[in-house]
C-alpha atoms as a PDB file:
ATOM      1  CA  GLN A   1     -16.549  22.740   2.816  1.00  0.00           C
ATOM      2  CA  VAL A   2     -15.745  19.058   2.269  1.00  0.00           C
ATOM      3  CA  GLN A   3     -13.454  17.714   4.924  1.00  0.00           C
ATOM      4  CA  LEU A   4     -11.837  14.155   5.081  1.00  0.00           C
ATOM      5  CA  VAL A   5      -9.919  13.464   8.336  1.00  0.00           C
ATOM      6  CA  GLU A   6      -7.912  10.363   8.780  1.00  0.00           C
ATOM      7  CA  SER A   7      -7.002   8.870  12.136  1.00  0.00           C
ATOM      8  CA  GLY A   8      -5.580   5.763  13.657  1.00  0.00           C
ATOM      9  CA  GLY A   9      -2.019   5.741  12.327  1.00  0.00           C
ATOM     10  CA  GLY A  10       0.913   5.180  14.513  1.00  0.00           C
ATOM     11  CA  LEU A  11       3.878   3.078  15.222  1.00  0.00           C
ATOM     12  CA  VAL A  12       3.534  -0.718  15.151  1.00  0.00           C
ATOM     13  CA  GLN A  13       5.763  -3.739  15.134  1.00  0.00           C
ATOM     14  CA  ALA A  14       6.007  -6.011  12.048  1.00  0.00           C
ATOM     15  CA  GLY A  15       3.200  -8.540  12.214  1.00  0.00           C
ATOM     16  CA  GLY A  16       0.827  -6.159  14.165  1.00  0.00           C
ATOM     17  CA  SER A  17      -2.362  -4.533  13.332  1.00  0.00           C
ATOM     18  CA  LEU A  18      -3.975  -1.050  12.959  1.00  0.00           C
ATOM     19  CA  ARG A  19      -7.336   0.231  12.041  1.00  0.00           C
ATOM     20  CA  LEU A  20      -7.434   3.565  10.233  1.00  0.00           C
ATOM     21  CA  SER A  21     -10.623   5.709  10.178  1.00  0.00           C
ATOM     22  CA  CYS A  22     -11.620   8.324   7.715  1.00  0.00           C
ATOM     23  CA  SER A  23     -14.273  10.802   8.953  1.00  0.00           C
ATOM     24  CA  ALA A  24     -16.157  12.858   6.208  1.00  0.00           C
ATOM     25  CA  SER A  25     -18.266  15.806   6.398  1.00  0.00           C
ATOM     26  CA  GLY A  26     -19.601  18.403   4.018  1.00  0.00           C
ATOM     27  CA  LEU A  27     -20.707  15.956   1.298  1.00  0.00           C
ATOM     28  CA  ALA A  28     -23.401  13.303   0.822  1.00  0.00           C
ATOM     29  CA  PHE A  29     -21.106  10.504   1.891  1.00  0.00           C
ATOM     30  CA  SER A  30     -23.503   7.791   0.627  1.00  0.00           C
ATOM     31  CA  SER A  31     -23.072   9.184  -2.834  1.00  0.00           C
ATOM     32  CA  TYR A  32     -19.245   8.777  -2.992  1.00  0.00           C
ATOM     33  CA  ALA A  33     -17.079   5.881  -3.579  1.00  0.00           C
ATOM     34  CA  MET A  34     -14.089   5.846  -0.933  1.00  0.00           C
ATOM     35  CA  GLY A  35     -10.558   4.900  -1.259  1.00  0.00           C
ATOM     36  CA  TRP A  36      -7.331   4.524   0.490  1.00  0.00           C
ATOM     37  CA  PHE A  37      -3.995   5.486  -1.066  1.00  0.00           C
ATOM     38  CA  ARG A  38      -0.471   5.584   0.514  1.00  0.00           C
ATOM     39  CA  GLN A  39       2.663   7.313  -0.336  1.00  0.00           C
ATOM     40  CA  ALA A  40       6.155   6.270   1.103  1.00  0.00           C
ATOM     41  CA  PRO A  41       9.441   8.309   0.756  1.00  0.00           C
ATOM     42  CA  GLY A  42      10.822   8.032  -2.722  1.00  0.00           C
ATOM     43  CA  LYS A  43       7.752   6.218  -3.972  1.00  0.00           C
ATOM     44  CA  MET A  44       4.815   7.260  -5.929  1.00  0.00           C
ATOM     45  CA  ARG A  45       1.346   7.505  -4.586  1.00  0.00           C
ATOM     46  CA  GLU A  46      -0.235   4.020  -4.807  1.00  0.00           C
ATOM     47  CA  PHE A  47      -3.746   2.602  -4.506  1.00  0.00           C
ATOM     48  CA  VAL A  48      -4.384   0.533  -1.414  1.00  0.00           C
ATOM     49  CA  ALA A  49      -8.114  -0.130  -1.361  1.00  0.00           C
ATOM     50  CA  GLY A  50     -11.314   1.132  -2.558  1.00  0.00           C
ATOM     51  CA  ILE A  51     -15.135   0.459  -1.703  1.00  0.00           C
ATOM     52  CA  SER A  52     -18.234   1.574  -3.559  1.00  0.00           C
ATOM     53  CA  LEU A  53     -21.159   3.633  -2.493  1.00  0.00           C
ATOM     54  CA  ASN A  54     -22.852   1.065  -0.438  1.00  0.00           C
ATOM     55  CA  GLY A  55     -20.064  -1.282   0.247  1.00  0.00           C
ATOM     56  CA  GLY A  56     -21.133  -3.686  -2.334  1.00  0.00           C
ATOM     57  CA  SER A  57     -17.968  -3.743  -4.032  1.00  0.00           C
ATOM     58  CA  THR A  58     -14.454  -3.627  -2.767  1.00  0.00           C
ATOM     59  CA  ASP A  59     -10.946  -3.828  -4.311  1.00  0.00           C
ATOM     60  CA  THR A  60      -7.506  -4.023  -2.613  1.00  0.00           C
ATOM     61  CA  ALA A  61      -4.089  -3.757  -4.202  1.00  0.00           C
ATOM     62  CA  TYR A  62      -2.255  -7.039  -4.731  1.00  0.00           C
ATOM     63  CA  SER A  63       0.498  -6.051  -2.279  1.00  0.00           C
ATOM     64  CA  VAL A  64      -2.156  -5.699   0.569  1.00  0.00           C
ATOM     65  CA  LYS A  65      -4.549  -8.403  -0.449  1.00  0.00           C
ATOM     66  CA  GLY A  66      -5.632 -10.912   2.300  1.00  0.00           C
ATOM     67  CA  ARG A  67      -4.105  -8.527   4.717  1.00  0.00           C
ATOM     68  CA  PHE A  68      -6.035  -5.194   4.524  1.00  0.00           C
ATOM     69  CA  THR A  69      -9.821  -4.827   4.490  1.00  0.00           C
ATOM     70  CA  ILE A  70     -11.656  -1.768   3.666  1.00  0.00           C
ATOM     71  CA  SER A  71     -15.101  -1.156   4.951  1.00  0.00           C
ATOM     72  CA  ARG A  72     -17.682   1.866   5.313  1.00  0.00           C
ATOM     73  CA  ASP A  73     -20.467   2.888   7.738  1.00  0.00           C
ATOM     74  CA  ASN A  74     -22.702   5.350   5.881  1.00  0.00           C
ATOM     75  CA  ASN A  75     -24.515   6.036   9.087  1.00  0.00           C
ATOM     76  CA  LYS A  76     -21.208   7.356  10.605  1.00  0.00           C
ATOM     77  CA  ASN A  77     -19.916   8.799   7.392  1.00  0.00           C
ATOM     78  CA  THR A  78     -16.739   6.975   7.953  1.00  0.00           C
ATOM     79  CA  VAL A  79     -14.607   4.521   5.925  1.00  0.00           C
ATOM     80  CA  TYR A  80     -12.098   2.116   7.712  1.00  0.00           C
ATOM     81  CA  LEU A  81      -8.996   0.338   6.700  1.00  0.00           C
ATOM     82  CA  GLN A  82      -8.208  -2.746   8.938  1.00  0.00           C
ATOM     83  CA  MET A  83      -4.427  -3.538   8.457  1.00  0.00           C
ATOM     84  CA  ASN A  84      -3.188  -6.895   9.722  1.00  0.00           C
ATOM     85  CA  SER A  85       0.148  -8.520   9.348  1.00  0.00           C
ATOM     86  CA  LEU A  86       1.734  -5.189   8.892  1.00  0.00           C
ATOM     87  CA  GLN A  87       5.253  -5.117   7.385  1.00  0.00           C
ATOM     88  CA  PRO A  88       7.942  -2.446   7.154  1.00  0.00           C
ATOM     89  CA  GLU A  89       6.982  -2.083   3.521  1.00  0.00           C
ATOM     90  CA  ASP A  90       3.713  -0.806   4.660  1.00  0.00           C
ATOM     91  CA  THR A  91       5.227   2.168   6.220  1.00  0.00           C
ATOM     92  CA  ALA A  92       3.857   5.272   4.567  1.00  0.00           C
ATOM     93  CA  VAL A  93       1.533   8.179   4.894  1.00  0.00           C
ATOM     94  CA  TYR A  94      -2.111   6.834   4.263  1.00  0.00           C
ATOM     95  CA  TYR A  95      -4.514   9.065   2.593  1.00  0.00           C
ATOM     96  CA  CYS A  96      -8.458   8.852   2.296  1.00  0.00           C
ATOM     97  CA  ALA A  97     -10.139   9.957  -0.800  1.00  0.00           C
ATOM     98  CA  ALA A  98     -13.856  10.406  -2.090  1.00  0.00           C
ATOM     99  CA  GLY A  99     -14.991  10.303  -5.508  1.00  0.00           C
ATOM    100  CA  ARG A 100     -18.142   9.741  -7.825  1.00  0.00           C
ATOM    101  CA  THR A 101     -16.551   7.012  -9.481  1.00  0.00           C
ATOM    102  CA  ALA A 102     -16.599   3.289 -10.069  1.00  0.00           C
ATOM    103  CA  TYR A 103     -12.885   3.119 -11.020  1.00  0.00           C
ATOM    104  CA  LEU A 104     -11.713   2.552  -7.416  1.00  0.00           C
ATOM    105  CA  ARG A 105      -7.920   2.090  -8.258  1.00  0.00           C
ATOM    106  CA  ILE A 106      -7.507   5.347 -10.226  1.00  0.00           C
ATOM    107  CA  PRO A 107      -6.406   8.263  -8.122  1.00  0.00           C
ATOM    108  CA  THR A 108      -7.343  10.760 -10.705  1.00  0.00           C
ATOM    109  CA  ARG A 109     -11.098   9.682 -10.437  1.00  0.00           C
ATOM    110  CA  TYR A 110     -11.229  10.980  -6.743  1.00  0.00           C
ATOM    111  CA  GLU A 111     -12.504  14.398  -5.971  1.00  0.00           C
ATOM    112  CA  TYR A 112     -11.481  15.013  -2.264  1.00  0.00           C
ATOM    113  CA  TRP A 113      -8.573  14.020  -0.231  1.00  0.00           C
ATOM    114  CA  GLY A 114      -7.627  13.901   3.442  1.00  0.00           C
ATOM    115  CA  GLN A 115      -4.243  15.108   4.795  1.00  0.00           C
ATOM    116  CA  GLY A 116      -3.053  11.675   5.738  1.00  0.00           C
ATOM    117  CA  THR A 117      -2.088   9.716   8.717  1.00  0.00           C
ATOM    118  CA  GLN A 118       1.357   8.208   9.245  1.00  0.00           C
ATOM    119  CA  VAL A 119       1.771   4.348   9.569  1.00  0.00           C
ATOM    120  CA  THR A 120       5.245   3.373  10.808  1.00  0.00           C
ATOM    121  CA  VAL A 121       6.014  -0.486  10.893  1.00  0.00           C
ATOM    122  CA  SER A 122       9.168  -1.344  12.726  1.00  0.00           C
ATOM    123  CA  SER A 123      10.891  -4.528  11.807  1.00  0.00           C
END
């Protein structure tokens, strides 16, 4: 059974930082690209960041570029999202996803999804 478990969400003031983690099990982690997506109330699911199998390629959404950084540790079967300079508009449920894809920004290319972790940024 494939399982992706997000952690690290919480409440933070604007300008603060959080580090999200996604622990994967039940799959060959190093054979999957990993991505982070988010969904806020009243908004569609949107791409946040993605990383290739070995971490050689990354991509981030324009809205978070320069503030968020995705990384992975294949020895720990874990992908991270370092979020700096958080703003209220970053408030959302953040989801981790895994897929055998090079198209990191496209959610339909991902096969497995976690249940999400809430990030709330107060002004």
